C-alpha cells in the first residue's frame, strides 16, 4: 500500500481523502473497505521514513486548511525502484493491478511494459510447473497441487492478456490527449 500511495503523489501533492478516493476508484467495489484512517496511517509511516513531507494547503474556496502530503526525492526513488522490480509469480492480482494503476498515474513506468514483464515471469513459472506436473502425474497428492498451480498460472496469463489490451487502449488515448 505504501508504494501505491507514493506513486499517487508523483504528479502532485494531495491530502489523504483525495488519495483514498483515487484508490477506491482504481479498486472499484474492492476499495469500499478502504478507510481514510488507513491512508493517514500509511502517510504517517511514509513521513517518518522520509518519503513524504506534510504541507498545509490554504485554499479559501475549499474551506479550512488541510494537511497535504508531497513526495520527497527519497519517495520518488522508492517509487521508481518499486515499479522497476520484479513482482514474482505469486503476486496477488489486486497488488499487480494497483502497480499498473500507479505506473500510469505516476508516469514513471509503462503499464504495458509491466504487463509484458509479468507475462514472461508467469510463462517461465508455468513451464516449470508443467514439467513438474508431468513428472508426478495427477494421481498423486503432489501432482494435484502442481495441477492447481498450473491452472492458476494459466488463469493469471489470461487475465494479463486482458490487461495488455486494456492498458494499450488507455496508453494510446493518453498519447492522443497529450
N, C-alpha and C. Protein backbone atom coordinates (compact mmCIF):
# COMPACT_ATOMS: atom_id res chain seq x y z
N UNK A 1 0.83 -1.20 0.00
CA UNK A 1 0.00 0.00 0.00
C UNK A 1 0.87 1.26 0.00
N UNK A 2 1.99 1.22 0.72
CA UNK A 2 2.84 2.41 0.82
C UNK A 2 3.35 2.85 -0.55
N UNK A 3 3.80 1.90 -1.35
CA UNK A 3 4.35 2.25 -2.66
C UNK A 3 3.28 2.81 -3.58
N UNK A 4 2.07 2.29 -3.49
CA UNK A 4 0.97 2.80 -4.31
C UNK A 4 0.66 4.24 -3.91
N UNK A 5 0.60 4.51 -2.62
CA UNK A 5 0.33 5.86 -2.15
C UNK A 5 1.42 6.81 -2.63
N UNK A 6 2.67 6.39 -2.55
CA UNK A 6 3.76 7.23 -3.04
C UNK A 6 3.60 7.52 -4.53
N UNK A 7 3.25 6.51 -5.30
CA UNK A 7 3.10 6.69 -6.74
C UNK A 7 1.98 7.68 -7.06
N UNK A 8 0.94 7.67 -6.25
CA UNK A 8 -0.17 8.60 -6.47
C UNK A 8 0.22 10.04 -6.17
N UNK A 9 1.32 10.23 -5.45
CA UNK A 9 1.80 11.57 -5.11
C UNK A 9 2.83 12.11 -6.11
N UNK A 10 3.20 11.31 -7.10
CA UNK A 10 4.24 11.73 -8.04
C UNK A 10 3.83 13.00 -8.80
N UNK A 11 2.63 13.03 -9.31
CA UNK A 11 2.20 14.18 -10.13
C UNK A 11 2.01 15.45 -9.32
N UNK A 12 1.43 15.30 -8.12
CA UNK A 12 1.16 16.49 -7.31
C UNK A 12 0.88 16.10 -5.87
N UNK A 13 1.13 17.02 -4.94
CA UNK A 13 0.79 16.76 -3.54
C UNK A 13 -0.72 16.55 -3.40
N UNK A 14 -1.10 15.81 -2.36
CA UNK A 14 -2.51 15.50 -2.17
C UNK A 14 -2.79 15.28 -0.68
N UNK A 15 -4.05 15.35 -0.32
CA UNK A 15 -4.45 15.03 1.04
C UNK A 15 -4.99 13.61 1.08
N UNK A 16 -5.11 13.06 2.26
CA UNK A 16 -5.48 11.67 2.45
C UNK A 16 -6.82 11.29 1.84
N UNK A 17 -7.81 12.16 1.95
CA UNK A 17 -9.12 11.82 1.41
C UNK A 17 -9.10 11.73 -0.12
N UNK A 18 -8.29 12.58 -0.75
CA UNK A 18 -8.16 12.51 -2.21
C UNK A 18 -7.45 11.22 -2.61
N UNK A 19 -6.43 10.83 -1.88
CA UNK A 19 -5.73 9.58 -2.15
C UNK A 19 -6.68 8.39 -1.99
N UNK A 20 -7.49 8.44 -0.95
CA UNK A 20 -8.47 7.37 -0.73
C UNK A 20 -9.46 7.30 -1.89
N UNK A 21 -9.92 8.43 -2.36
CA UNK A 21 -10.86 8.47 -3.48
C UNK A 21 -10.23 7.84 -4.72
N UNK A 22 -8.99 8.18 -5.00
CA UNK A 22 -8.31 7.64 -6.19
C UNK A 22 -8.08 6.14 -6.07
N UNK A 23 -7.74 5.68 -4.87
CA UNK A 23 -7.57 4.23 -4.66
C UNK A 23 -8.90 3.50 -4.80
N UNK A 24 -9.95 4.06 -4.21
CA UNK A 24 -11.27 3.44 -4.31
C UNK A 24 -11.71 3.36 -5.77
N UNK A 25 -11.42 4.40 -6.52
CA UNK A 25 -11.76 4.42 -7.94
C UNK A 25 -11.00 3.32 -8.68
N UNK A 26 -9.74 3.13 -8.36
CA UNK A 26 -8.91 2.11 -9.01
C UNK A 26 -9.35 0.70 -8.64
N UNK A 27 -9.84 0.52 -7.42
CA UNK A 27 -10.20 -0.81 -6.94
C UNK A 27 -11.66 -1.17 -7.15
N UNK A 28 -12.47 -0.20 -7.52
CA UNK A 28 -13.89 -0.48 -7.70
C UNK A 28 -14.51 -0.93 -6.39
N UNK A 29 -15.38 -1.94 -6.42
CA UNK A 29 -16.07 -2.37 -5.20
C UNK A 29 -15.11 -2.92 -4.14
N UNK A 30 -13.94 -3.38 -4.54
CA UNK A 30 -12.97 -3.87 -3.56
C UNK A 30 -12.41 -2.73 -2.70
N UNK A 31 -12.51 -1.50 -3.20
CA UNK A 31 -12.00 -0.35 -2.47
C UNK A 31 -12.94 0.17 -1.40
N UNK A 32 -14.15 -0.36 -1.33
CA UNK A 32 -15.11 0.13 -0.34
C UNK A 32 -14.64 -0.09 1.09
N UNK A 33 -13.84 -1.11 1.31
CA UNK A 33 -13.35 -1.40 2.66
C UNK A 33 -12.21 -0.49 3.08
N UNK A 34 -11.68 0.28 2.16
CA UNK A 34 -10.55 1.16 2.44
C UNK A 34 -11.04 2.40 3.17
N UNK A 35 -10.52 2.62 4.38
CA UNK A 35 -10.96 3.82 5.10
C UNK A 35 -9.84 4.86 5.14
N UNK A 36 -10.23 6.09 5.39
CA UNK A 36 -9.27 7.20 5.39
C UNK A 36 -8.21 7.01 6.46
N UNK A 37 -8.57 6.38 7.58
CA UNK A 37 -7.60 6.14 8.64
C UNK A 37 -6.41 5.33 8.16
N UNK A 38 -6.67 4.32 7.31
CA UNK A 38 -5.58 3.52 6.77
C UNK A 38 -4.63 4.38 5.94
N UNK A 39 -5.19 5.27 5.17
CA UNK A 39 -4.38 6.14 4.33
C UNK A 39 -3.52 7.05 5.19
N UNK A 40 -4.11 7.64 6.24
CA UNK A 40 -3.34 8.55 7.08
C UNK A 40 -2.27 7.83 7.90
N UNK A 41 -2.54 6.61 8.31
CA UNK A 41 -1.51 5.81 9.00
C UNK A 41 -0.36 5.55 8.03
N UNK A 42 -0.70 5.20 6.80
CA UNK A 42 0.33 4.97 5.77
C UNK A 42 1.13 6.24 5.52
N UNK A 43 0.46 7.38 5.41
CA UNK A 43 1.16 8.65 5.19
C UNK A 43 2.08 9.00 6.36
N UNK A 44 1.64 8.73 7.57
CA UNK A 44 2.48 8.99 8.75
C UNK A 44 3.73 8.13 8.71
N UNK A 45 3.58 6.86 8.35
CA UNK A 45 4.75 5.98 8.24
C UNK A 45 5.70 6.45 7.14
N UNK A 46 5.13 6.86 6.04
CA UNK A 46 5.96 7.35 4.93
C UNK A 46 6.67 8.64 5.30
N UNK A 47 6.03 9.47 6.10
CA UNK A 47 6.65 10.71 6.56
C UNK A 47 7.83 10.40 7.47
N UNK A 48 7.63 9.45 8.39
CA UNK A 48 8.72 9.04 9.29
C UNK A 48 9.89 8.44 8.52
N UNK A 49 9.58 7.78 7.41
CA UNK A 49 10.62 7.16 6.59
C UNK A 49 11.31 8.16 5.66
N UNK A 50 10.83 9.40 5.65
CA UNK A 50 11.43 10.44 4.83
C UNK A 50 10.99 10.41 3.37
N UNK A 51 9.89 9.73 3.08
CA UNK A 51 9.41 9.61 1.70
C UNK A 51 8.40 10.68 1.33
N UNK A 52 7.73 11.27 2.32
CA UNK A 52 6.79 12.36 2.08
C UNK A 52 7.01 13.43 3.14
N UNK A 53 6.58 14.64 2.81
CA UNK A 53 6.57 15.74 3.77
C UNK A 53 5.16 16.30 3.83
N UNK A 54 4.82 16.78 4.99
CA UNK A 54 3.49 17.34 5.20
C UNK A 54 3.54 18.84 4.94
N UNK A 55 2.56 19.30 4.20
CA UNK A 55 2.42 20.72 3.92
C UNK A 55 1.02 21.13 4.33
N UNK A 56 0.77 22.40 4.34
CA UNK A 56 -0.58 22.90 4.61
C UNK A 56 -1.12 23.54 3.34
N UNK A 57 -2.32 23.13 2.98
CA UNK A 57 -2.97 23.71 1.82
C UNK A 57 -3.88 24.83 2.31
N UNK A 58 -3.71 26.01 1.76
CA UNK A 58 -4.51 27.15 2.17
C UNK A 58 -5.25 27.68 0.94
N UNK A 59 -6.41 27.09 0.68
CA UNK A 59 -7.23 27.50 -0.46
C UNK A 59 -8.59 27.91 0.10
N UNK A 60 -8.81 29.22 0.26
CA UNK A 60 -10.04 29.70 0.91
C UNK A 60 -11.34 29.14 0.34
N UNK A 61 -11.43 28.99 -0.98
CA UNK A 61 -12.68 28.50 -1.57
C UNK A 61 -12.94 27.03 -1.26
N UNK A 62 -11.93 26.30 -0.77
CA UNK A 62 -12.11 24.89 -0.42
C UNK A 62 -12.41 24.69 1.06
N UNK A 63 -12.42 25.75 1.83
CA UNK A 63 -12.72 25.60 3.25
C UNK A 63 -11.47 25.67 4.11
N UNK A 64 -11.51 25.00 5.27
CA UNK A 64 -10.39 25.10 6.21
C UNK A 64 -9.10 24.48 5.64
N UNK A 65 -7.99 24.92 6.21
CA UNK A 65 -6.69 24.40 5.79
C UNK A 65 -6.63 22.90 6.04
N UNK A 66 -5.99 22.19 5.12
CA UNK A 66 -5.86 20.74 5.23
C UNK A 66 -4.40 20.34 5.13
N UNK A 67 -4.11 19.17 5.70
CA UNK A 67 -2.78 18.60 5.56
C UNK A 67 -2.67 18.02 4.15
N UNK A 68 -1.63 18.39 3.49
CA UNK A 68 -1.35 17.88 2.15
C UNK A 68 0.04 17.24 2.21
N UNK A 69 0.18 16.13 1.54
CA UNK A 69 1.44 15.40 1.55
C UNK A 69 2.09 15.48 0.19
N UNK A 70 3.40 15.74 0.21
CA UNK A 70 4.17 15.84 -1.02
C UNK A 70 5.30 14.82 -0.99
N UNK A 71 5.67 14.35 -2.14
CA UNK A 71 6.72 13.36 -2.30
C UNK A 71 8.09 14.02 -2.12
N UNK A 72 9.00 13.34 -1.46
CA UNK A 72 10.38 13.79 -1.36
C UNK A 72 11.20 13.09 -2.45
N UNK A 73 12.46 13.47 -2.58
CA UNK A 73 13.34 12.79 -3.53
C UNK A 73 13.48 11.31 -3.17
N UNK A 74 13.57 11.03 -1.88
CA UNK A 74 13.67 9.63 -1.44
C UNK A 74 12.39 8.86 -1.79
N UNK A 75 11.25 9.51 -1.67
CA UNK A 75 9.98 8.88 -2.03
C UNK A 75 9.91 8.59 -3.51
N UNK A 76 10.38 9.53 -4.31
CA UNK A 76 10.38 9.34 -5.78
C UNK A 76 11.30 8.18 -6.15
N UNK A 77 12.46 8.10 -5.51
CA UNK A 77 13.39 6.99 -5.77
C UNK A 77 12.75 5.65 -5.40
N UNK A 78 12.05 5.65 -4.26
CA UNK A 78 11.41 4.40 -3.81
C UNK A 78 10.34 3.95 -4.81
N UNK A 79 9.54 4.88 -5.31
CA UNK A 79 8.50 4.54 -6.30
C UNK A 79 9.14 3.97 -7.56
N UNK A 80 10.17 4.65 -8.04
CA UNK A 80 10.83 4.19 -9.26
C UNK A 80 11.41 2.79 -9.08
N UNK A 81 12.00 2.53 -7.92
CA UNK A 81 12.57 1.20 -7.64
C UNK A 81 11.46 0.15 -7.59
N UNK A 82 10.35 0.48 -6.92
CA UNK A 82 9.22 -0.45 -6.81
C UNK A 82 8.64 -0.79 -8.18
N UNK A 83 8.48 0.23 -9.01
CA UNK A 83 7.92 -0.01 -10.34
C UNK A 83 8.87 -0.83 -11.21
N UNK A 84 10.16 -0.74 -10.92
CA UNK A 84 11.15 -1.47 -11.70
C UNK A 84 11.42 -2.89 -11.23
N UNK A 85 10.97 -3.22 -10.02
CA UNK A 85 11.29 -4.55 -9.51
C UNK A 85 10.31 -5.61 -9.99
N UNK A 86 10.81 -6.81 -10.08
CA UNK A 86 10.01 -7.95 -10.49
C UNK A 86 8.95 -8.25 -9.42
N UNK A 87 7.79 -8.68 -9.88
CA UNK A 87 6.71 -8.96 -8.93
C UNK A 87 6.73 -10.39 -8.42
N UNK A 88 7.31 -11.30 -9.17
CA UNK A 88 7.33 -12.70 -8.75
C UNK A 88 6.04 -13.41 -9.11
N UNK A 89 6.09 -14.73 -9.27
CA UNK A 89 4.92 -15.47 -9.76
C UNK A 89 3.76 -15.55 -8.78
N UNK A 90 3.97 -15.29 -7.52
CA UNK A 90 2.89 -15.43 -6.54
C UNK A 90 2.21 -14.11 -6.17
N UNK A 91 2.50 -13.07 -6.92
CA UNK A 91 1.91 -11.77 -6.64
C UNK A 91 0.39 -11.82 -6.77
N UNK A 92 -0.27 -11.20 -5.84
CA UNK A 92 -1.72 -11.10 -5.83
C UNK A 92 -2.19 -10.24 -7.01
N UNK A 93 -3.31 -10.61 -7.60
CA UNK A 93 -3.87 -9.89 -8.74
C UNK A 93 -4.15 -8.43 -8.37
N UNK A 94 -4.72 -8.20 -7.20
CA UNK A 94 -5.03 -6.83 -6.78
C UNK A 94 -3.75 -6.01 -6.65
N UNK A 95 -2.73 -6.60 -6.08
CA UNK A 95 -1.45 -5.91 -5.92
C UNK A 95 -0.88 -5.52 -7.27
N UNK A 96 -0.91 -6.44 -8.22
CA UNK A 96 -0.37 -6.13 -9.54
C UNK A 96 -1.23 -5.08 -10.25
N UNK A 97 -2.53 -5.17 -10.10
CA UNK A 97 -3.44 -4.17 -10.69
C UNK A 97 -3.08 -2.77 -10.16
N UNK A 98 -2.88 -2.66 -8.85
CA UNK A 98 -2.52 -1.37 -8.27
C UNK A 98 -1.17 -0.88 -8.79
N UNK A 99 -0.27 -1.80 -9.05
CA UNK A 99 1.03 -1.41 -9.62
C UNK A 99 0.83 -0.82 -11.01
N UNK A 100 -0.06 -1.42 -11.80
CA UNK A 100 -0.34 -0.88 -13.12
C UNK A 100 -0.96 0.51 -13.03
N UNK A 101 -1.92 0.68 -12.13
CA UNK A 101 -2.56 1.98 -11.93
C UNK A 101 -1.52 3.00 -11.48
N UNK A 102 -0.67 2.60 -10.54
CA UNK A 102 0.36 3.50 -10.03
C UNK A 102 1.35 3.89 -11.14
N UNK A 103 1.70 2.94 -11.98
CA UNK A 103 2.61 3.23 -13.09
C UNK A 103 2.00 4.28 -14.02
N UNK A 104 0.73 4.09 -14.35
CA UNK A 104 0.05 5.02 -15.25
C UNK A 104 -0.10 6.39 -14.61
N UNK A 105 -0.50 6.41 -13.34
CA UNK A 105 -0.72 7.69 -12.64
C UNK A 105 0.57 8.47 -12.49
N UNK A 106 1.65 7.77 -12.15
CA UNK A 106 2.91 8.46 -11.89
C UNK A 106 3.66 8.81 -13.17
N UNK A 107 3.43 8.05 -14.22
CA UNK A 107 4.18 8.27 -15.45
C UNK A 107 5.61 7.76 -15.38
N UNK A 108 5.95 7.06 -14.30
CA UNK A 108 7.32 6.58 -14.12
C UNK A 108 7.57 5.22 -14.76
N UNK A 109 6.53 4.55 -15.20
CA UNK A 109 6.68 3.26 -15.87
C UNK A 109 5.50 3.07 -16.82
N UNK A 110 5.72 2.27 -17.83
CA UNK A 110 4.69 1.97 -18.81
C UNK A 110 3.91 0.73 -18.37
N UNK A 111 2.62 0.85 -18.11
CA UNK A 111 1.84 -0.33 -17.71
C UNK A 111 1.95 -1.49 -18.69
N UNK A 112 2.00 -1.20 -19.98
CA UNK A 112 2.11 -2.28 -20.98
C UNK A 112 3.43 -3.02 -20.84
N UNK A 113 4.50 -2.30 -20.54
CA UNK A 113 5.80 -2.95 -20.32
C UNK A 113 5.76 -3.82 -19.07
N UNK A 114 5.08 -3.34 -18.03
CA UNK A 114 4.95 -4.14 -16.81
C UNK A 114 4.16 -5.41 -17.08
N UNK A 115 3.11 -5.31 -17.89
CA UNK A 115 2.32 -6.48 -18.25
C UNK A 115 3.20 -7.48 -19.01
N UNK A 116 4.00 -6.98 -19.95
CA UNK A 116 4.87 -7.87 -20.73
C UNK A 116 5.89 -8.58 -19.83
N UNK A 117 6.47 -7.84 -18.90
CA UNK A 117 7.43 -8.44 -17.97
C UNK A 117 6.76 -9.49 -17.12
N UNK A 118 5.59 -9.18 -16.62
CA UNK A 118 4.84 -10.13 -15.80
C UNK A 118 4.47 -11.39 -16.61
N UNK A 119 4.09 -11.19 -17.84
CA UNK A 119 3.74 -12.32 -18.71
C UNK A 119 4.95 -13.25 -18.86
N UNK A 120 6.12 -12.70 -19.09
CA UNK A 120 7.32 -13.53 -19.22
C UNK A 120 7.60 -14.31 -17.93
N UNK A 121 7.45 -13.63 -16.77
CA UNK A 121 7.65 -14.31 -15.48
C UNK A 121 6.68 -15.48 -15.33
N UNK A 122 5.42 -15.24 -15.65
CA UNK A 122 4.41 -16.28 -15.50
C UNK A 122 4.61 -17.42 -16.49
N UNK A 123 5.06 -17.10 -17.67
CA UNK A 123 5.32 -18.15 -18.67
C UNK A 123 6.45 -19.07 -18.19
N UNK A 124 7.48 -18.49 -17.60
CA UNK A 124 8.57 -19.31 -17.05
C UNK A 124 8.05 -20.19 -15.91
N UNK A 125 7.27 -19.60 -15.01
CA UNK A 125 6.73 -20.36 -13.88
C UNK A 125 5.78 -21.46 -14.37
N UNK A 126 5.00 -21.16 -15.40
CA UNK A 126 4.08 -22.16 -15.95
C UNK A 126 4.85 -23.32 -16.56
N UNK A 127 5.90 -23.03 -17.30
CA UNK A 127 6.70 -24.09 -17.91
C UNK A 127 7.31 -25.00 -16.83
N UNK A 128 7.80 -24.40 -15.76
CA UNK A 128 8.36 -25.18 -14.65
C UNK A 128 7.29 -26.06 -13.99
N UNK A 129 6.11 -25.49 -13.75
CA UNK A 129 5.03 -26.24 -13.11
C UNK A 129 4.55 -27.37 -14.01
N UNK A 130 4.47 -27.12 -15.30
CA UNK A 130 4.03 -28.16 -16.22
C UNK A 130 5.04 -29.31 -16.29
N UNK A 131 6.33 -28.98 -16.31
CA UNK A 131 7.37 -30.03 -16.30
C UNK A 131 7.26 -30.87 -15.03
N UNK A 132 7.09 -30.19 -13.89
CA UNK A 132 6.98 -30.91 -12.62
C UNK A 132 5.70 -31.75 -12.59
N UNK A 133 4.59 -31.23 -13.11
CA UNK A 133 3.33 -31.97 -13.13
C UNK A 133 3.44 -33.23 -13.99
N UNK A 134 4.12 -33.12 -15.11
CA UNK A 134 4.31 -34.29 -15.97
C UNK A 134 5.14 -35.36 -15.28
N UNK A 135 6.10 -34.92 -14.49
CA UNK A 135 6.97 -35.87 -13.79
C UNK A 135 6.21 -36.60 -12.68
N UNK A 136 5.20 -35.96 -12.07
CA UNK A 136 4.48 -36.55 -10.94
C UNK A 136 3.15 -37.19 -11.33
N UNK A 137 2.54 -36.73 -12.40
CA UNK A 137 1.20 -37.23 -12.75
C UNK A 137 0.16 -36.62 -11.82
N UNK A 138 -1.10 -36.66 -12.23
CA UNK A 138 -2.17 -36.04 -11.42
C UNK A 138 -2.77 -36.99 -10.40
N UNK A 139 -2.31 -38.24 -10.37
CA UNK A 139 -2.91 -39.19 -9.43
C UNK A 139 -2.23 -39.18 -8.06
N UNK A 140 -1.23 -38.31 -7.88
CA UNK A 140 -0.57 -38.20 -6.57
C UNK A 140 -0.97 -36.88 -5.91
N UNK A 141 -0.72 -36.76 -4.62
CA UNK A 141 -1.02 -35.51 -3.91
C UNK A 141 -0.20 -34.35 -4.48
N UNK A 142 1.09 -34.61 -4.72
CA UNK A 142 1.94 -33.56 -5.30
C UNK A 142 1.46 -33.20 -6.70
N UNK A 143 1.02 -34.21 -7.45
CA UNK A 143 0.52 -33.96 -8.80
C UNK A 143 -0.71 -33.08 -8.80
N UNK A 144 -1.60 -33.30 -7.83
CA UNK A 144 -2.79 -32.45 -7.72
C UNK A 144 -2.42 -31.00 -7.42
N UNK A 145 -1.48 -30.82 -6.52
CA UNK A 145 -1.02 -29.47 -6.20
C UNK A 145 -0.42 -28.80 -7.43
N UNK A 146 0.43 -29.52 -8.14
CA UNK A 146 1.06 -28.96 -9.34
C UNK A 146 0.02 -28.64 -10.41
N UNK A 147 -1.02 -29.45 -10.52
CA UNK A 147 -2.10 -29.16 -11.47
C UNK A 147 -2.82 -27.87 -11.07
N UNK A 148 -3.05 -27.69 -9.78
CA UNK A 148 -3.67 -26.45 -9.30
C UNK A 148 -2.81 -25.23 -9.59
N UNK A 149 -1.51 -25.36 -9.38
CA UNK A 149 -0.59 -24.26 -9.68
C UNK A 149 -0.61 -23.94 -11.17
N UNK A 150 -0.60 -24.96 -12.00
CA UNK A 150 -0.64 -24.78 -13.45
C UNK A 150 -1.92 -24.05 -13.87
N UNK A 151 -3.05 -24.48 -13.35
CA UNK A 151 -4.33 -23.84 -13.69
C UNK A 151 -4.36 -22.38 -13.24
N UNK A 152 -3.84 -22.12 -12.04
CA UNK A 152 -3.80 -20.73 -11.54
C UNK A 152 -2.94 -19.85 -12.43
N UNK A 153 -1.78 -20.36 -12.84
CA UNK A 153 -0.89 -19.58 -13.71
C UNK A 153 -1.54 -19.33 -15.07
N UNK A 154 -2.25 -20.32 -15.60
CA UNK A 154 -2.94 -20.14 -16.87
C UNK A 154 -4.03 -19.06 -16.76
N UNK A 155 -4.75 -19.08 -15.65
CA UNK A 155 -5.78 -18.06 -15.43
C UNK A 155 -5.15 -16.66 -15.32
N UNK A 156 -4.03 -16.57 -14.61
CA UNK A 156 -3.34 -15.28 -14.49
C UNK A 156 -2.87 -14.78 -15.86
N UNK A 157 -2.40 -15.69 -16.70
CA UNK A 157 -1.96 -15.30 -18.05
C UNK A 157 -3.13 -14.80 -18.89
N UNK A 158 -4.28 -15.43 -18.77
CA UNK A 158 -5.47 -14.96 -19.50
C UNK A 158 -5.85 -13.56 -19.03
N UNK A 159 -5.80 -13.34 -17.71
CA UNK A 159 -6.11 -12.01 -17.17
C UNK A 159 -5.10 -10.98 -17.69
N UNK A 160 -3.83 -11.35 -17.77
CA UNK A 160 -2.81 -10.43 -18.27
C UNK A 160 -3.06 -10.04 -19.73
N UNK A 161 -3.59 -10.96 -20.51
CA UNK A 161 -3.93 -10.64 -21.89
C UNK A 161 -4.97 -9.52 -21.92
N UNK A 162 -5.96 -9.63 -21.05
CA UNK A 162 -6.98 -8.57 -20.94
C UNK A 162 -6.35 -7.27 -20.48
N UNK A 163 -5.48 -7.35 -19.49
CA UNK A 163 -4.77 -6.16 -19.00
C UNK A 163 -3.98 -5.51 -20.14
N UNK A 164 -3.27 -6.31 -20.90
CA UNK A 164 -2.47 -5.78 -22.00
C UNK A 164 -3.32 -5.03 -23.01
N UNK A 165 -4.47 -5.60 -23.38
CA UNK A 165 -5.36 -4.94 -24.33
C UNK A 165 -5.91 -3.63 -23.75
N UNK A 166 -6.35 -3.69 -22.50
CA UNK A 166 -6.95 -2.51 -21.86
C UNK A 166 -5.93 -1.39 -21.70
N UNK A 167 -4.75 -1.71 -21.19
CA UNK A 167 -3.74 -0.67 -20.97
C UNK A 167 -3.20 -0.14 -22.28
N UNK A 168 -3.18 -0.95 -23.34
CA UNK A 168 -2.76 -0.45 -24.65
C UNK A 168 -3.72 0.63 -25.13
N UNK A 169 -5.02 0.41 -24.91
CA UNK A 169 -6.03 1.42 -25.29
C UNK A 169 -5.87 2.67 -24.44
N UNK A 170 -5.69 2.50 -23.11
CA UNK A 170 -5.50 3.65 -22.21
C UNK A 170 -4.27 4.45 -22.60
N UNK A 171 -3.18 3.75 -22.90
CA UNK A 171 -1.93 4.41 -23.26
C UNK A 171 -2.09 5.17 -24.56
N UNK A 172 -2.77 4.56 -25.53
CA UNK A 172 -3.00 5.21 -26.83
C UNK A 172 -3.85 6.47 -26.65
N UNK A 173 -4.92 6.37 -25.84
CA UNK A 173 -5.78 7.53 -25.58
C UNK A 173 -4.99 8.64 -24.91
N UNK A 174 -4.16 8.27 -23.92
CA UNK A 174 -3.36 9.27 -23.20
C UNK A 174 -2.41 10.01 -24.11
N UNK A 175 -1.80 9.33 -25.07
CA UNK A 175 -0.88 9.95 -26.00
C UNK A 175 -1.63 10.89 -26.96
N UNK A 176 -2.84 10.48 -27.35
CA UNK A 176 -3.64 11.32 -28.25
C UNK A 176 -4.10 12.59 -27.55
N UNK A 177 -4.42 12.49 -26.25
CA UNK A 177 -4.89 13.63 -25.49
C UNK A 177 -3.75 14.58 -25.13
N UNK A 178 -2.55 14.01 -24.94
CA UNK A 178 -1.39 14.81 -24.51
C UNK A 178 -0.77 15.50 -25.62
